[in-house]
Amino acid sequence: MVRDPDGPVDVRVFIDGVEASITEFTIDAGAGWCWADWTRCRNQNLAAAFASARQALLAVYADPPGGSYIADRGDAQWLDGINNSDNR
């Protein structure tokens, strides 16, 4: 994984020496997010994930590290507005 702090993350995965195609989901709740943008990104990621990956993502989205930096969250819970039937 190559991470540019001000740019994209480049992830390459190899299984038994063969590069595999992946879908990357980066959950970075650091400074710069407002609640509306965070939930929009969260919902898009969850909708794009297969059911098994979605469960892993939900576990992280339930209490994301750095979440205290997200502005305008108010009293909203981390998983507010998620439709649990959105599984692929």
Protein backbone atom coordinates (compact mmCIF):
# COMPACT_ATOMS: atom_id res chain seq x y z
CA MET A 1 0.00 0.00 0.00
CA VAL A 2 1.31 3.43 -0.92
CA ARG A 3 -0.42 6.32 0.83
CA ASP A 4 0.00 9.93 -0.20
CA PRO A 5 -1.29 12.00 2.74
CA ASP A 6 -2.66 14.57 0.30
CA GLY A 7 -3.65 12.25 -2.50
CA PRO A 8 -4.82 8.78 -3.42
CA VAL A 9 -3.98 5.47 -1.81
CA ASP A 10 -2.53 2.86 -4.15
CA VAL A 11 -3.24 -0.69 -2.97
CA ARG A 12 -2.04 -3.85 -4.68
CA VAL A 13 -2.97 -7.26 -3.30
CA PHE A 14 -1.25 -10.52 -4.16
CA ILE A 15 -2.74 -13.90 -3.32
CA ASP A 16 -0.35 -16.82 -3.71
CA GLY A 17 1.88 -14.56 -5.78
CA VAL A 18 -0.85 -13.50 -8.21
CA GLU A 19 -2.10 -9.92 -8.21
CA ALA A 20 -5.83 -9.81 -7.43
CA SER A 21 -8.39 -7.25 -8.47
CA ILE A 22 -9.75 -5.37 -5.46
CA THR A 23 -12.14 -2.68 -4.40
CA GLU A 24 -10.60 -0.39 -1.81
CA PHE A 25 -12.62 1.30 0.92
CA THR A 26 -10.70 3.92 2.88
CA ILE A 27 -12.30 5.00 6.14
CA ASP A 28 -10.50 8.08 7.38
CA ALA A 29 -12.58 10.17 9.74
CA GLY A 30 -9.96 12.84 10.20
CA ALA A 31 -10.35 16.59 10.01
CA GLY A 32 -12.00 18.05 6.95
CA TRP A 33 -15.23 16.05 6.87
CA CYS A 34 -18.66 17.52 7.51
CA TRP A 35 -21.42 15.14 8.56
CA ALA A 36 -23.38 15.38 5.29
CA ASP A 37 -20.32 14.52 3.17
CA TRP A 38 -19.28 11.75 5.59
CA THR A 39 -22.69 10.04 5.46
CA ARG A 40 -22.85 10.38 1.66
CA CYS A 41 -19.43 8.70 1.30
CA ARG A 42 -20.30 6.08 3.95
CA ASN A 43 -23.55 5.19 2.17
CA GLN A 44 -21.87 4.95 -1.24
CA ASN A 45 -19.18 2.64 0.17
CA LEU A 46 -21.74 0.43 1.89
CA ALA A 47 -23.88 0.22 -1.26
CA ALA A 48 -20.86 -0.80 -3.35
CA ALA A 49 -19.67 -3.53 -0.98
CA PHE A 50 -20.54 -7.20 -1.17
CA ALA A 51 -22.46 -8.51 1.88
CA SER A 52 -19.40 -10.00 3.61
CA ALA A 53 -17.34 -6.84 3.15
CA ARG A 54 -20.32 -4.69 4.13
CA GLN A 55 -20.47 -6.33 7.54
CA ALA A 56 -16.79 -5.54 8.13
CA LEU A 57 -17.34 -1.95 6.97
CA LEU A 58 -20.36 -1.53 9.26
CA ALA A 59 -18.22 -2.58 12.23
CA VAL A 60 -15.74 0.21 11.46
CA TYR A 61 -18.37 2.80 10.57
CA ALA A 62 -20.09 2.12 13.92
CA ASP A 63 -17.28 4.00 15.70
CA PRO A 64 -14.64 5.26 13.26
CA PRO A 65 -11.26 6.31 14.65
CA GLY A 66 -10.88 10.08 14.39
CA GLY A 67 -14.64 10.56 14.33
CA SER A 68 -14.46 13.43 16.80
CA TYR A 69 -13.08 15.57 13.97
CA ILE A 70 -16.20 15.29 11.80
CA ALA A 71 -18.03 18.63 11.90
CA ASP A 72 -21.78 19.19 12.22
CA ARG A 73 -22.56 15.66 13.48
CA GLY A 74 -24.63 16.92 16.41
CA ASP A 75 -26.45 14.07 18.17
CA ALA A 76 -26.51 11.78 15.13
CA GLN A 77 -25.44 8.19 15.68
CA TRP A 78 -22.73 6.78 13.43
CA LEU A 79 -25.05 4.41 11.60
CA ASP A 80 -28.10 6.70 11.38
CA GLY A 81 -29.82 6.51 8.01
CA ILE A 82 -28.32 3.20 6.92
CA ASN A 83 -30.67 0.81 5.17
CA ASN A 84 -29.62 -2.69 6.26
CA SER A 85 -31.24 -4.24 3.18
CA ASP A 86 -28.66 -2.68 0.85
CA ASN A 87 -26.67 -5.88 0.32
CA ARG A 88 -25.26 -7.03 -3.00
